[in-house]
Amino acid sequence: MTERLPIFPLGAVLFPGLVLPLHVFEERYRLLMSDLLAREEPRRFGVVSIELGHEVGPGAARRLAPVGCTAEIRDVQEHEDGRYDVVATGGTRFRVEDVDDSLAYLCAEVTPLPEEDGPGAQDAVAPVTDRFRRYCDRLVAHGAQVADLDDLPAEPGPLSYLVAASLVLDRTDKQRLLQADHAAARLRLEYELLRRENLLLETFPTVPASEFLGGGVSPN
């Protein structure tokens, strides 16, 4: 069953469970937030990565990734000049079915995607956890700051999303992880990506910055 969501296009990929800070200053997204805040909770919108270019407007449906993630507003501060500082959390993945660009901001008919472990998911938890810990150790050795690793999830789904959100990857790889059919497929892909990234960290003396490691605000 489809539902209609206002869409916030971003130059990043949002995963379920990830905290998303936004500084909203463009007029169309101020209107989006104003409309959301006029509704009863839960106040949800869709976050979809922009695959091509930076502009969003008429014809922008061709620029959006096919799979996005809902975001639920947890905290919002409205400034006197109409800007908003928003904290949202990633909810559920969805597939974009149809985009309406007739309004000031995009809306879309979306279909929620199921969250399944998939075959072999539990068997993949330990190997991915091991490679992810080594990856974080190498980042620390390169001067990066990482979150506490004492309580990594033991369940395939939550682990797969935590690793996906934490890896320093380009947007294409992030989107591949979001679009994986189930946790098992996501964990298998992460296992290979971690092998590649660990090798790179062993080879090169510096690592690129990441919006997820840095904890910065995502502007619209």
N, C-alpha and C. Protein backbone atom coordinates (compact mmCIF):
# COMPACT_ATOMS: atom_id res chain seq x y z
N MET A 1 0.85 -1.19 0.00
CA MET A 1 0.00 0.00 0.00
C MET A 1 0.89 1.25 0.00
N THR A 2 0.55 2.20 -0.83
CA THR A 2 1.36 3.41 -0.94
C THR A 2 0.87 4.48 0.04
N GLU A 3 1.73 5.42 0.32
CA GLU A 3 1.35 6.60 1.08
C GLU A 3 2.02 7.81 0.45
N ARG A 4 1.48 8.97 0.74
CA ARG A 4 2.01 10.21 0.18
C ARG A 4 2.85 10.91 1.23
N LEU A 5 4.08 11.28 0.84
CA LEU A 5 4.98 11.94 1.77
C LEU A 5 5.57 13.19 1.13
N PRO A 6 5.74 14.26 1.90
CA PRO A 6 6.59 15.36 1.42
C PRO A 6 8.02 14.86 1.35
N ILE A 7 8.77 15.32 0.36
CA ILE A 7 10.12 14.80 0.12
C ILE A 7 11.16 15.89 0.35
N PHE A 8 12.18 15.54 1.10
CA PHE A 8 13.32 16.42 1.35
C PHE A 8 14.52 15.79 0.65
N PRO A 9 14.89 16.25 -0.54
CA PRO A 9 16.06 15.69 -1.22
C PRO A 9 17.35 16.13 -0.54
N LEU A 10 18.29 15.22 -0.41
CA LEU A 10 19.56 15.53 0.22
C LEU A 10 20.72 14.99 -0.60
N GLY A 11 21.88 15.57 -0.40
CA GLY A 11 23.08 15.05 -1.02
C GLY A 11 23.73 13.99 -0.17
N ALA A 12 22.93 13.23 0.57
CA ALA A 12 23.41 12.16 1.44
C ALA A 12 22.31 11.11 1.52
N VAL A 13 22.64 9.98 2.14
CA VAL A 13 21.71 8.87 2.27
C VAL A 13 21.35 8.71 3.74
N LEU A 14 20.05 8.67 4.04
CA LEU A 14 19.57 8.46 5.40
C LEU A 14 19.23 6.99 5.60
N PHE A 15 19.65 6.43 6.75
CA PHE A 15 19.36 5.04 7.09
C PHE A 15 18.41 4.98 8.29
N PRO A 16 17.61 3.92 8.38
CA PRO A 16 16.76 3.74 9.56
C PRO A 16 17.59 3.79 10.85
N GLY A 17 17.09 4.54 11.82
CA GLY A 17 17.75 4.65 13.11
C GLY A 17 18.79 5.75 13.20
N LEU A 18 19.16 6.34 12.07
CA LEU A 18 20.19 7.37 12.07
C LEU A 18 19.59 8.72 12.47
N VAL A 19 20.30 9.47 13.30
CA VAL A 19 19.87 10.82 13.67
C VAL A 19 20.27 11.78 12.55
N LEU A 20 19.32 12.61 12.14
CA LEU A 20 19.53 13.54 11.05
C LEU A 20 19.30 14.97 11.51
N PRO A 21 20.35 15.77 11.72
CA PRO A 21 20.17 17.19 12.01
C PRO A 21 20.07 17.97 10.69
N LEU A 22 19.13 18.89 10.62
CA LEU A 22 18.93 19.70 9.42
C LEU A 22 18.85 21.17 9.81
N HIS A 23 19.49 22.00 9.00
CA HIS A 23 19.31 23.45 9.11
C HIS A 23 18.52 23.88 7.87
N VAL A 24 17.28 24.25 8.06
CA VAL A 24 16.35 24.52 6.96
C VAL A 24 16.27 26.02 6.73
N PHE A 25 16.72 26.46 5.55
CA PHE A 25 16.70 27.89 5.26
C PHE A 25 16.06 28.23 3.92
N GLU A 26 16.01 27.29 2.97
CA GLU A 26 15.37 27.58 1.68
C GLU A 26 13.86 27.73 1.88
N GLU A 27 13.27 28.64 1.12
CA GLU A 27 11.86 28.97 1.31
C GLU A 27 10.95 27.75 1.14
N ARG A 28 11.22 26.93 0.14
CA ARG A 28 10.33 25.79 -0.11
C ARG A 28 10.38 24.78 1.03
N TYR A 29 11.56 24.64 1.66
CA TYR A 29 11.66 23.67 2.74
C TYR A 29 11.20 24.27 4.07
N ARG A 30 11.24 25.61 4.17
CA ARG A 30 10.57 26.25 5.30
C ARG A 30 9.08 25.96 5.24
N LEU A 31 8.51 26.06 4.04
CA LEU A 31 7.09 25.76 3.86
C LEU A 31 6.80 24.31 4.19
N LEU A 32 7.68 23.40 3.76
CA LEU A 32 7.50 21.97 4.07
C LEU A 32 7.44 21.78 5.58
N MET A 33 8.38 22.39 6.31
CA MET A 33 8.40 22.24 7.76
C MET A 33 7.17 22.87 8.40
N SER A 34 6.78 24.02 7.91
CA SER A 34 5.59 24.69 8.45
C SER A 34 4.36 23.82 8.27
N ASP A 35 4.24 23.20 7.09
CA ASP A 35 3.09 22.32 6.84
C ASP A 35 3.14 21.09 7.75
N LEU A 36 4.34 20.53 7.95
CA LEU A 36 4.46 19.36 8.82
C LEU A 36 4.10 19.71 10.26
N LEU A 37 4.57 20.84 10.74
CA LEU A 37 4.33 21.23 12.13
C LEU A 37 2.86 21.56 12.38
N ALA A 38 2.12 21.83 11.34
CA ALA A 38 0.68 22.09 11.49
C ALA A 38 -0.11 20.79 11.64
N ARG A 39 0.55 19.65 11.40
CA ARG A 39 -0.12 18.35 11.50
C ARG A 39 0.07 17.77 12.90
N GLU A 40 -0.73 16.75 13.19
CA GLU A 40 -0.55 16.00 14.43
C GLU A 40 0.63 15.05 14.28
N GLU A 41 1.24 14.69 15.39
CA GLU A 41 2.34 13.72 15.37
C GLU A 41 1.80 12.33 15.01
N PRO A 42 2.62 11.48 14.43
CA PRO A 42 4.03 11.69 14.07
C PRO A 42 4.15 12.55 12.81
N ARG A 43 5.13 13.43 12.83
CA ARG A 43 5.37 14.32 11.69
C ARG A 43 6.50 13.72 10.87
N ARG A 44 6.14 13.15 9.72
CA ARG A 44 7.11 12.40 8.93
C ARG A 44 7.25 13.00 7.54
N PHE A 45 8.45 12.91 7.02
CA PHE A 45 8.71 13.27 5.64
C PHE A 45 9.68 12.24 5.07
N GLY A 46 9.88 12.28 3.77
CA GLY A 46 10.78 11.34 3.14
C GLY A 46 12.09 12.00 2.76
N VAL A 47 13.19 11.31 3.01
CA VAL A 47 14.51 11.78 2.60
C VAL A 47 14.98 10.88 1.46
N VAL A 48 15.31 11.50 0.34
CA VAL A 48 15.77 10.77 -0.84
C VAL A 48 17.05 11.41 -1.34
N SER A 49 18.03 10.59 -1.64
CA SER A 49 19.30 11.10 -2.13
C SER A 49 19.15 11.61 -3.56
N ILE A 50 19.85 12.70 -3.86
CA ILE A 50 19.87 13.25 -5.22
C ILE A 50 20.95 12.53 -6.00
N GLU A 51 20.56 11.84 -7.05
CA GLU A 51 21.52 11.05 -7.82
C GLU A 51 22.30 11.87 -8.82
N LEU A 52 21.66 12.90 -9.39
CA LEU A 52 22.32 13.73 -10.41
C LEU A 52 22.09 15.19 -10.10
N GLY A 53 23.15 15.98 -10.13
CA GLY A 53 23.02 17.43 -9.98
C GLY A 53 22.67 17.83 -8.57
N HIS A 54 22.36 19.12 -8.42
CA HIS A 54 22.06 19.68 -7.12
C HIS A 54 20.71 20.38 -7.07
N GLU A 55 20.20 20.78 -8.20
CA GLU A 55 18.96 21.53 -8.22
C GLU A 55 17.78 20.58 -8.13
N VAL A 56 16.74 21.01 -7.43
CA VAL A 56 15.52 20.25 -7.29
C VAL A 56 14.35 21.15 -7.65
N GLY A 57 13.56 20.74 -8.60
CA GLY A 57 12.43 21.52 -9.04
C GLY A 57 11.71 20.75 -10.12
N PRO A 58 11.07 21.40 -11.07
CA PRO A 58 10.40 20.70 -12.15
C PRO A 58 11.36 19.75 -12.86
N GLY A 59 10.90 18.51 -13.03
CA GLY A 59 11.74 17.50 -13.66
C GLY A 59 12.68 16.80 -12.72
N ALA A 60 12.61 17.15 -11.41
CA ALA A 60 13.57 16.61 -10.45
C ALA A 60 13.36 15.14 -10.18
N ALA A 61 12.19 14.58 -10.55
CA ALA A 61 11.96 13.16 -10.31
C ALA A 61 13.02 12.31 -10.98
N ARG A 62 13.57 12.78 -12.08
CA ARG A 62 14.61 12.01 -12.79
C ARG A 62 15.92 12.03 -12.02
N ARG A 63 16.05 12.92 -11.06
CA ARG A 63 17.31 13.09 -10.33
C ARG A 63 17.34 12.33 -9.01
N LEU A 64 16.22 11.81 -8.57
CA LEU A 64 16.15 11.21 -7.25
C LEU A 64 16.44 9.71 -7.29
N ALA A 65 17.06 9.22 -6.22
CA ALA A 65 17.29 7.79 -6.09
C ALA A 65 15.94 7.07 -5.96
N PRO A 66 15.87 5.80 -6.34
CA PRO A 66 14.59 5.08 -6.31
C PRO A 66 14.14 4.66 -4.92
N VAL A 67 15.05 4.65 -3.96
CA VAL A 67 14.72 4.22 -2.60
C VAL A 67 15.18 5.29 -1.62
N GLY A 68 14.30 5.61 -0.68
CA GLY A 68 14.62 6.59 0.35
C GLY A 68 14.25 6.07 1.72
N CYS A 69 14.23 6.97 2.70
CA CYS A 69 13.94 6.59 4.08
C CYS A 69 13.07 7.66 4.71
N THR A 70 12.07 7.25 5.48
CA THR A 70 11.26 8.23 6.19
C THR A 70 12.08 8.85 7.31
N ALA A 71 11.73 10.07 7.67
CA ALA A 71 12.36 10.77 8.79
C ALA A 71 11.25 11.34 9.66
N GLU A 72 11.34 11.13 10.96
CA GLU A 72 10.34 11.64 11.89
C GLU A 72 10.95 12.75 12.73
N ILE A 73 10.28 13.88 12.79
CA ILE A 73 10.78 15.02 13.55
C ILE A 73 10.74 14.71 15.04
N ARG A 74 11.90 14.86 15.70
CA ARG A 74 12.01 14.65 17.14
C ARG A 74 12.13 15.97 17.90
N ASP A 75 12.76 16.94 17.27
CA ASP A 75 12.94 18.23 17.92
C ASP A 75 13.06 19.29 16.84
N VAL A 76 12.49 20.45 17.10
CA VAL A 76 12.55 21.53 16.11
C VAL A 76 12.62 22.87 16.83
N GLN A 77 13.44 23.75 16.28
CA GLN A 77 13.55 25.13 16.77
C GLN A 77 13.32 26.07 15.61
N GLU A 78 12.31 26.92 15.73
CA GLU A 78 12.01 27.90 14.68
C GLU A 78 12.65 29.22 15.05
N HIS A 79 13.39 29.80 14.11
CA HIS A 79 14.03 31.09 14.34
C HIS A 79 13.10 32.22 13.89
N GLU A 80 13.38 33.42 14.36
CA GLU A 80 12.51 34.56 14.06
C GLU A 80 12.47 34.87 12.57
N ASP A 81 13.55 34.57 11.85
CA ASP A 81 13.58 34.87 10.43
C ASP A 81 12.99 33.75 9.58
N GLY A 82 12.40 32.72 10.23
CA GLY A 82 11.73 31.66 9.49
C GLY A 82 12.55 30.41 9.25
N ARG A 83 13.82 30.44 9.62
CA ARG A 83 14.65 29.24 9.50
C ARG A 83 14.27 28.24 10.59
N TYR A 84 14.63 26.97 10.35
CA TYR A 84 14.38 25.92 11.32
C TYR A 84 15.66 25.13 11.56
N ASP A 85 15.88 24.76 12.81
CA ASP A 85 16.85 23.73 13.15
C ASP A 85 16.06 22.51 13.59
N VAL A 86 16.28 21.42 12.88
CA VAL A 86 15.45 20.22 13.05
C VAL A 86 16.34 19.03 13.38
N VAL A 87 15.87 18.20 14.29
CA VAL A 87 16.49 16.90 14.53
C VAL A 87 15.44 15.84 14.22
N ALA A 88 15.77 14.96 13.30
CA ALA A 88 14.86 13.88 12.90
C ALA A 88 15.60 12.55 13.00
N THR A 89 14.84 11.47 13.02
CA THR A 89 15.44 10.14 13.03
C THR A 89 14.90 9.33 11.86
N GLY A 90 15.80 8.54 11.27
CA GLY A 90 15.40 7.68 10.17
C GLY A 90 14.44 6.60 10.63
N GLY A 91 13.41 6.35 9.82
CA GLY A 91 12.37 5.39 10.19
C GLY A 91 12.38 4.14 9.34
N THR A 92 11.63 4.16 8.26
CA THR A 92 11.49 2.98 7.40
C THR A 92 11.88 3.32 5.97
N ARG A 93 12.42 2.33 5.27
CA ARG A 93 12.77 2.52 3.86
C ARG A 93 11.51 2.49 3.01
N PHE A 94 11.58 3.14 1.87
CA PHE A 94 10.46 3.12 0.93
C PHE A 94 10.99 3.19 -0.50
N ARG A 95 10.16 2.74 -1.42
CA ARG A 95 10.44 2.89 -2.84
C ARG A 95 9.60 4.02 -3.39
N VAL A 96 10.22 4.90 -4.15
CA VAL A 96 9.51 6.03 -4.75
C VAL A 96 8.73 5.53 -5.96
N GLU A 97 7.43 5.71 -5.95
CA GLU A 97 6.58 5.25 -7.05
C GLU A 97 6.26 6.37 -8.03
N ASP A 98 5.94 7.55 -7.51
CA ASP A 98 5.55 8.66 -8.37
C ASP A 98 5.84 9.96 -7.65
N VAL A 99 6.36 10.93 -8.36
CA VAL A 99 6.73 12.21 -7.75
C VAL A 99 5.84 13.32 -8.30
N ASP A 100 5.34 14.14 -7.39
CA ASP A 100 4.52 15.31 -7.75
C ASP A 100 5.35 16.55 -7.52
N ASP A 101 5.70 17.25 -8.60
CA ASP A 101 6.49 18.47 -8.47
C ASP A 101 5.66 19.72 -8.76
N SER A 102 4.34 19.62 -8.57
CA SER A 102 3.47 20.75 -8.87
C SER A 102 3.39 21.74 -7.70
N LEU A 103 3.88 21.34 -6.53
CA LEU A 103 3.84 22.22 -5.37
C LEU A 103 5.18 22.92 -5.19
N ALA A 104 5.28 23.73 -4.15
CA ALA A 104 6.54 24.43 -3.88
C ALA A 104 7.65 23.44 -3.54
N TYR A 105 7.29 22.33 -2.90
CA TYR A 105 8.25 21.27 -2.58
C TYR A 105 7.72 19.96 -3.13
N LEU A 106 8.59 18.99 -3.28
CA LEU A 106 8.22 17.71 -3.86
C LEU A 106 7.39 16.88 -2.89
N CYS A 107 6.45 16.14 -3.44
CA CYS A 107 5.73 15.10 -2.71
C CYS A 107 5.82 13.82 -3.55
N ALA A 108 5.65 12.69 -2.92
CA ALA A 108 5.77 11.44 -3.66
C ALA A 108 4.84 10.38 -3.08
N GLU A 109 4.35 9.54 -3.97
CA GLU A 109 3.70 8.31 -3.55
C GLU A 109 4.79 7.27 -3.34
N VAL A 110 4.83 6.69 -2.16
CA VAL A 110 5.90 5.75 -1.84
C VAL A 110 5.30 4.46 -1.31
N THR A 111 6.06 3.37 -1.49
CA THR A 111 5.68 2.07 -0.97
C THR A 111 6.69 1.65 0.10
N PRO A 112 6.25 1.43 1.34
CA PRO A 112 7.19 0.97 2.37
C PRO A 112 7.82 -0.36 1.98
N LEU A 113 9.09 -0.52 2.29
CA LEU A 113 9.81 -1.75 1.99
C LEU A 113 9.92 -2.61 3.25
N PRO A 114 9.77 -3.92 3.09
CA PRO A 114 9.84 -4.80 4.27
C PRO A 114 11.25 -4.86 4.84
N GLU A 115 11.33 -5.10 6.14
CA GLU A 115 12.62 -5.29 6.81
C GLU A 115 12.74 -6.77 7.18
N GLU A 116 13.53 -7.49 6.42
CA GLU A 116 13.70 -8.92 6.63
C GLU A 116 15.17 -9.23 6.88
N ASP A 117 15.43 -10.27 7.69
CA ASP A 117 16.81 -10.67 7.93
C ASP A 117 17.43 -11.31 6.68
N GLY A 118 16.66 -12.15 6.01
CA GLY A 118 17.18 -12.83 4.83
C GLY A 118 18.02 -14.05 5.21
N PRO A 119 18.26 -14.92 4.24
CA PRO A 119 18.99 -16.16 4.51
C PRO A 119 20.45 -15.91 4.90
N GLY A 120 20.88 -16.53 5.99
CA GLY A 120 22.27 -16.43 6.42
C GLY A 120 22.61 -15.15 7.15
N ALA A 121 21.60 -14.38 7.54
CA ALA A 121 21.88 -13.08 8.16
C ALA A 121 22.62 -13.23 9.49
N GLN A 122 22.16 -14.15 10.33
CA GLN A 122 22.79 -14.28 11.64
C GLN A 122 24.24 -14.75 11.52
N ASP A 123 24.51 -15.60 10.54
CA ASP A 123 25.88 -16.09 10.34
C ASP A 123 26.83 -14.97 9.91
N ALA A 124 26.27 -13.90 9.32
CA ALA A 124 27.11 -12.79 8.84
C ALA A 124 27.43 -11.77 9.92
N VAL A 125 26.75 -11.85 11.06
CA VAL A 125 26.91 -10.84 12.10
C VAL A 125 28.34 -10.81 12.64
N ALA A 126 28.86 -11.96 13.05
CA ALA A 126 30.19 -11.99 13.67
C ALA A 126 31.29 -11.55 12.71
N PRO A 127 31.33 -12.05 11.45
CA PRO A 127 32.39 -11.60 10.54
C PRO A 127 32.34 -10.10 10.25
N VAL A 128 31.14 -9.55 10.06
CA VAL A 128 31.03 -8.11 9.79
C VAL A 128 31.42 -7.30 11.03
N THR A 129 30.99 -7.77 12.21
CA THR A 129 31.36 -7.07 13.44
C THR A 129 32.87 -7.03 13.60
N ASP A 130 33.54 -8.15 13.33
CA ASP A 130 34.99 -8.21 13.46
C ASP A 130 35.67 -7.24 12.51
N ARG A 131 35.25 -7.24 11.24
CA ARG A 131 35.86 -6.33 10.26
C ARG A 131 35.54 -4.88 10.57
N PHE A 132 34.35 -4.62 11.09
CA PHE A 132 33.97 -3.25 11.41
C PHE A 132 34.80 -2.73 12.59
N ARG A 133 35.05 -3.57 13.60
CA ARG A 133 35.89 -3.15 14.72
C ARG A 133 37.31 -2.84 14.24
N ARG A 134 37.84 -3.66 13.34
CA ARG A 134 39.18 -3.39 12.81
C ARG A 134 39.19 -2.08 12.01
N TYR A 135 38.12 -1.87 11.27
CA TYR A 135 37.98 -0.63 10.49
C TYR A 135 38.00 0.59 11.42
N CYS A 136 37.23 0.53 12.50
CA CYS A 136 37.18 1.66 13.44
C CYS A 136 38.52 1.85 14.12
N ASP A 137 39.20 0.75 14.47
CA ASP A 137 40.53 0.86 15.08
C ASP A 137 41.49 1.58 14.14
N ARG A 138 41.42 1.28 12.86
CA ARG A 138 42.31 1.92 11.89
C ARG A 138 41.96 3.40 11.72
N LEU A 139 40.66 3.72 11.76
CA LEU A 139 40.27 5.13 11.70
C LEU A 139 40.84 5.90 12.89
N VAL A 140 40.74 5.31 14.06
CA VAL A 140 41.28 5.95 15.26
C VAL A 140 42.78 6.16 15.12
N ALA A 141 43.45 5.16 14.55
CA ALA A 141 44.90 5.28 14.35
C ALA A 141 45.24 6.40 13.38
N HIS A 142 44.28 6.76 12.50
CA HIS A 142 44.48 7.86 11.56
C HIS A 142 44.00 9.19 12.13
N GLY A 143 43.60 9.20 13.40
CA GLY A 143 43.21 10.45 14.04
C GLY A 143 41.74 10.75 14.04
N ALA A 144 40.90 9.82 13.54
CA ALA A 144 39.46 10.05 13.52
C ALA A 144 38.85 9.72 14.88
N GLN A 145 37.69 10.30 15.15
CA GLN A 145 36.93 9.99 16.35
C GLN A 145 35.75 9.11 15.97
N VAL A 146 35.57 8.01 16.69
CA VAL A 146 34.46 7.11 16.41
C VAL A 146 33.65 6.90 17.67
N ALA A 147 32.42 6.42 17.47
CA ALA A 147 31.53 6.19 18.60
C ALA A 147 32.00 4.97 19.41
N ASP A 148 31.44 4.84 20.61
CA ASP A 148 31.75 3.71 21.48
C ASP A 148 31.31 2.41 20.82
N LEU A 149 32.20 1.43 20.76
CA LEU A 149 31.92 0.16 20.09
C LEU A 149 31.59 -0.95 21.07
N ASP A 150 31.39 -0.63 22.35
CA ASP A 150 31.17 -1.67 23.35
C ASP A 150 29.85 -2.40 23.15
N ASP A 151 28.86 -1.71 22.64
CA ASP A 151 27.51 -2.30 22.55
C ASP A 151 27.01 -2.33 21.11
N LEU A 152 27.76 -2.94 20.23
CA LEU A 152 27.30 -3.10 18.85
C LEU A 152 26.10 -4.05 18.83
N PRO A 153 25.11 -3.78 17.98
CA PRO A 153 23.93 -4.66 17.93
C PRO A 153 24.30 -6.09 17.55
N ALA A 154 23.61 -7.05 18.14
CA ALA A 154 23.80 -8.45 17.78
C ALA A 154 22.77 -8.91 16.76
N GLU A 155 21.76 -8.07 16.50
CA GLU A 155 20.73 -8.43 15.53
C GLU A 155 21.17 -7.97 14.14
N PRO A 156 20.91 -8.77 13.10
CA PRO A 156 21.39 -8.45 11.75
C PRO A 156 20.92 -7.10 11.23
N GLY A 157 19.64 -6.81 11.38
CA GLY A 157 19.12 -5.56 10.83
C GLY A 157 19.75 -4.32 11.43
N PRO A 158 19.65 -4.14 12.76
CA PRO A 158 20.27 -2.96 13.37
C PRO A 158 21.76 -2.86 13.11
N LEU A 159 22.48 -3.99 13.14
CA LEU A 159 23.91 -3.95 12.86
C LEU A 159 24.17 -3.48 11.44
N SER A 160 23.39 -3.99 10.50
CA SER A 160 23.62 -3.64 9.09
C SER A 160 23.44 -2.15 8.87
N TYR A 161 22.48 -1.53 9.54
CA TYR A 161 22.24 -0.10 9.36
C TYR A 161 23.28 0.74 10.10
N LEU A 162 23.72 0.30 11.27
CA LEU A 162 24.75 1.04 11.98
C LEU A 162 26.04 1.07 11.16
N VAL A 163 26.43 -0.09 10.62
CA VAL A 163 27.65 -0.15 9.81
C VAL A 163 27.49 0.70 8.55
N ALA A 164 26.34 0.60 7.91
CA ALA A 164 26.10 1.37 6.68
C ALA A 164 26.21 2.86 6.93
N ALA A 165 25.67 3.33 8.05
CA ALA A 165 25.70 4.76 8.36
C ALA A 165 27.10 5.22 8.76
N SER A 166 27.92 4.32 9.32
CA SER A 166 29.22 4.70 9.86
C SER A 166 30.34 4.67 8.85
N LEU A 167 30.22 3.83 7.83
CA LEU A 167 31.30 3.70 6.86
C LEU A 167 31.52 5.00 6.09
N VAL A 168 32.77 5.34 5.86
CA VAL A 168 33.12 6.50 5.05
C VAL A 168 33.13 6.04 3.59
N LEU A 169 32.01 6.27 2.90
CA LEU A 169 31.83 5.79 1.53
C LEU A 169 31.24 6.91 0.68
N ASP A 170 31.35 6.74 -0.63
CA ASP A 170 30.67 7.70 -1.50
C ASP A 170 29.18 7.40 -1.52
N ARG A 171 28.43 8.34 -2.08
CA ARG A 171 26.98 8.24 -2.04
C ARG A 171 26.46 7.02 -2.80
N THR A 172 27.15 6.61 -3.86
CA THR A 172 26.70 5.45 -4.63
C THR A 172 26.72 4.20 -3.79
N ASP A 173 27.81 3.98 -3.05
CA ASP A 173 27.90 2.81 -2.19
C ASP A 173 26.87 2.89 -1.06
N LYS A 174 26.68 4.07 -0.50
CA LYS A 174 25.67 4.23 0.55
C LYS A 174 24.29 3.86 0.03
N GLN A 175 23.98 4.31 -1.18
CA GLN A 175 22.67 4.02 -1.74
C GLN A 175 22.50 2.53 -2.01
N ARG A 176 23.56 1.86 -2.45
CA ARG A 176 23.51 0.40 -2.65
C ARG A 176 23.17 -0.30 -1.35
N LEU A 177 23.74 0.17 -0.26
CA LEU A 177 23.45 -0.43 1.04
C LEU A 177 22.00 -0.20 1.44
N LEU A 178 21.50 1.00 1.22
CA LEU A 178 20.10 1.28 1.56
C LEU A 178 19.15 0.41 0.75
N GLN A 179 19.49 0.17 -0.52
CA GLN A 179 18.59 -0.55 -1.41
C GLN A 179 18.72 -2.06 -1.31
N ALA A 180 19.64 -2.58 -0.51
CA ALA A 180 19.79 -4.03 -0.38
C ALA A 180 18.45 -4.65 0.01
N ASP A 181 18.19 -5.84 -0.53
CA ASP A 181 16.88 -6.47 -0.35
C ASP A 181 16.58 -6.82 1.11
N HIS A 182 17.59 -7.18 1.87
CA HIS A 182 17.39 -7.57 3.26
C HIS A 182 18.71 -7.42 4.02
N ALA A 183 18.67 -7.68 5.32
CA ALA A 183 19.86 -7.47 6.15
C ALA A 183 21.00 -8.37 5.72
N ALA A 184 20.70 -9.60 5.33
CA ALA A 184 21.77 -10.52 4.92
C ALA A 184 22.53 -9.98 3.71
N ALA A 185 21.80 -9.48 2.72
CA ALA A 185 22.44 -8.92 1.54
C ALA A 185 23.25 -7.68 1.90
N ARG A 186 22.73 -6.86 2.81
CA ARG A 186 23.44 -5.65 3.23
C ARG A 186 24.72 -6.03 3.98
N LEU A 187 24.67 -7.01 4.85
CA LEU A 187 25.84 -7.44 5.59
C LEU A 187 26.89 -8.05 4.67
N ARG A 188 26.46 -8.80 3.67
CA ARG A 188 27.44 -9.37 2.73
C ARG A 188 28.15 -8.27 1.95
N LEU A 189 27.40 -7.26 1.54
CA LEU A 189 28.01 -6.14 0.83
C LEU A 189 28.94 -5.36 1.76
N GLU A 190 28.54 -5.18 3.00
CA GLU A 190 29.39 -4.48 3.96
C GLU A 190 30.68 -5.25 4.22
N TYR A 191 30.60 -6.57 4.26
CA TYR A 191 31.79 -7.38 4.47
C TYR A 191 32.83 -7.11 3.38
N GLU A 192 32.37 -7.03 2.13
CA GLU A 192 33.28 -6.75 1.02
C GLU A 192 33.78 -5.31 1.04
N LEU A 193 32.88 -4.38 1.36
CA LEU A 193 33.30 -2.98 1.43
C LEU A 193 34.30 -2.77 2.56
N LEU A 194 34.09 -3.43 3.69
CA LEU A 194 35.04 -3.32 4.80
C LEU A 194 36.40 -3.91 4.44
N ARG A 195 36.40 -4.98 3.68
CA ARG A 195 37.67 -5.54 3.22
C ARG A 195 38.41 -4.51 2.38
N ARG A 196 37.70 -3.86 1.47
CA ARG A 196 38.31 -2.84 0.61
C ARG A 196 38.79 -1.65 1.42
N GLU A 197 37.94 -1.16 2.32
CA GLU A 197 38.29 0.04 3.08
C GLU A 197 39.42 -0.23 4.07
N ASN A 198 39.45 -1.41 4.67
CA ASN A 198 40.55 -1.74 5.57
C ASN A 198 41.88 -1.79 4.82
N LEU A 199 41.83 -2.31 3.60
CA LEU A 199 43.04 -2.35 2.78
C LEU A 199 43.50 -0.94 2.44
N LEU A 200 42.57 -0.07 2.10
CA LEU A 200 42.92 1.32 1.80
C LEU A 200 43.51 2.02 3.02
N LEU A 201 42.95 1.77 4.18
CA LEU A 201 43.47 2.40 5.39
C LEU A 201 44.86 1.91 5.74
N GLU A 202 45.15 0.67 5.37
CA GLU A 202 46.50 0.15 5.57
C GLU A 202 47.50 0.78 4.60
N THR A 203 47.00 1.18 3.43
CA THR A 203 47.88 1.62 2.35
C THR A 203 48.14 3.12 2.38
N PHE A 204 47.08 3.93 2.69
CA PHE A 204 47.20 5.38 2.59
C PHE A 204 47.30 6.00 3.97
N PRO A 205 48.05 7.09 4.12
CA PRO A 205 48.28 7.68 5.44
C PRO A 205 47.16 8.57 5.94
N THR A 206 46.23 8.97 5.08
CA THR A 206 45.13 9.84 5.52
C THR A 206 43.81 9.27 5.03
N VAL A 207 42.71 9.69 5.66
CA VAL A 207 41.38 9.25 5.27
C VAL A 207 40.51 10.47 5.03
N PRO A 208 39.48 10.36 4.16
CA PRO A 208 38.60 11.50 3.91
C PRO A 208 37.68 11.77 5.09
N ALA A 209 37.21 13.01 5.15
CA ALA A 209 36.24 13.36 6.18
C ALA A 209 34.89 12.75 5.85
N SER A 210 34.03 12.63 6.85
CA SER A 210 32.68 12.09 6.66
C SER A 210 31.69 12.89 7.47
N GLU A 211 30.51 13.14 6.91
CA GLU A 211 29.50 13.86 7.64
C GLU A 211 29.00 13.06 8.82
N PHE A 212 29.11 11.72 8.74
CA PHE A 212 28.63 10.91 9.84
C PHE A 212 29.65 10.84 10.96
N LEU A 213 30.94 10.79 10.62
CA LEU A 213 31.96 10.78 11.65
C LEU A 213 32.08 12.16 12.29
N GLY A 214 31.88 13.21 11.50
CA GLY A 214 32.04 14.56 12.01
C GLY A 214 30.85 15.07 12.79
N GLY A 215 29.67 14.48 12.56
CA GLY A 215 28.49 14.89 13.29
C GLY A 215 27.97 16.27 12.90
N GLY A 216 28.26 16.71 11.67
CA GLY A 216 27.86 18.04 11.25
C GLY A 216 26.39 18.10 10.89
N VAL A 217 25.92 19.33 10.72
CA VAL A 217 24.54 19.56 10.34
C VAL A 217 24.42 19.47 8.83
N SER A 218 23.32 18.86 8.36
CA SER A 218 23.06 18.77 6.93
C SER A 218 22.20 19.94 6.51
N PRO A 219 22.72 20.86 5.67
CA PRO A 219 21.91 21.98 5.21
C PRO A 219 21.03 21.55 4.06
N ASN A 220 19.89 22.25 3.86
CA ASN A 220 19.07 21.93 2.70
C ASN A 220 19.60 22.69 1.49
